[in-house]
Amino acid sequence: MSKLETCHHCGEEKQDCYHGYIAMCIPIPEAEALIEKWGRNDWWKNLERTDLTKEEMKELDGLCTYDQLLNTV
């Protein structure tokens, strides 16, 4: 009989558990589309612009949060 282990993903004790790191969120297609809209490699540079509307700044702030969640384990 296999040994029961605590799963790193769900926290349950079971066989064949996942062991590794998990980001705080999964990729979200809508957020990924916004990153493509602003530029995949340099979207964050737009945060320094002063000519953006409140809606655009809110969009970029949301991307900052999303990026942090996606890259935090």
Protein backbone atom coordinates (compact mmCIF):
# COMPACT_ATOMS: atom_id res chain seq x y z
CA MET A 1 0.00 0.00 0.00
CA SER A 2 1.26 3.49 -0.89
CA LYS A 3 1.97 6.04 1.76
CA LEU A 4 -0.57 8.86 2.23
CA GLU A 5 0.86 12.33 1.83
CA THR A 6 -0.49 15.84 2.27
CA CYS A 7 -1.24 17.43 -1.10
CA HIS A 8 0.38 20.87 -1.59
CA HIS A 9 -2.58 21.93 -3.72
CA CYS A 10 -5.69 20.88 -1.78
CA GLY A 11 -4.26 20.06 1.65
CA GLU A 12 -5.89 16.62 1.79
CA GLU A 13 -4.02 13.45 2.68
CA LYS A 14 -3.99 11.09 -0.28
CA GLN A 15 -1.79 9.10 -2.63
CA ASP A 16 -0.17 10.63 -5.71
CA CYS A 17 -0.15 14.19 -4.38
CA TYR A 18 1.01 17.32 -6.11
CA HIS A 19 4.32 18.60 -4.76
CA GLY A 20 5.51 21.97 -5.92
CA TYR A 21 4.68 25.64 -6.01
CA ILE A 22 1.40 27.15 -7.10
CA ALA A 23 0.79 30.78 -8.09
CA MET A 24 -1.83 32.77 -6.18
CA CYS A 25 -4.04 32.77 -9.31
CA ILE A 26 -4.24 31.04 -12.64
CA PRO A 27 -3.82 32.95 -15.93
CA ILE A 28 -6.96 34.94 -16.74
CA PRO A 29 -7.66 35.31 -20.48
CA GLU A 30 -9.17 38.80 -20.10
CA ALA A 31 -6.12 40.07 -18.20
CA GLU A 32 -3.78 38.44 -20.71
CA ALA A 33 -5.65 40.26 -23.50
CA LEU A 34 -5.12 43.57 -21.68
CA ILE A 35 -1.41 42.84 -21.38
CA GLU A 36 -1.31 42.22 -25.14
CA LYS A 37 -3.18 45.50 -25.69
CA TRP A 38 -0.62 47.49 -23.64
CA GLY A 39 2.41 45.51 -24.89
CA ARG A 40 3.51 42.13 -23.59
CA ASN A 41 7.07 43.11 -22.65
CA ASP A 42 6.65 46.67 -21.46
CA TRP A 43 3.02 47.28 -20.39
CA TRP A 44 4.20 48.40 -16.94
CA LYS A 45 6.14 51.34 -18.39
CA ASN A 46 2.78 52.99 -19.11
CA LEU A 47 2.29 53.47 -15.36
CA GLU A 48 4.70 56.42 -15.53
CA ARG A 49 2.70 58.25 -18.20
CA THR A 50 0.78 61.37 -17.23
CA ASP A 51 -1.52 61.55 -20.27
CA LEU A 52 -3.74 58.57 -19.39
CA THR A 53 -7.38 58.73 -18.35
CA LYS A 54 -8.59 57.49 -14.98
CA GLU A 55 -10.03 54.41 -16.67
CA GLU A 56 -6.72 53.59 -18.33
CA MET A 57 -4.85 54.03 -15.04
CA LYS A 58 -7.39 51.78 -13.30
CA GLU A 59 -6.83 49.17 -16.02
CA LEU A 60 -3.06 49.33 -15.52
CA ASP A 61 -3.41 49.19 -11.73
CA GLY A 62 -5.51 46.05 -12.16
CA LEU A 63 -2.79 44.56 -14.34
CA CYS A 64 -0.25 45.28 -11.60
CA THR A 65 -2.35 43.32 -9.13
CA TYR A 66 -2.87 40.50 -11.61
CA ASP A 67 0.85 40.35 -12.40
CA GLN A 68 1.72 40.19 -8.72
CA LEU A 69 -0.78 37.39 -8.06
CA LEU A 70 0.38 35.43 -11.09
CA ASN A 71 4.03 35.66 -10.04
CA THR A 72 3.65 35.05 -6.30
CA VAL A 73 3.80 31.51 -4.98
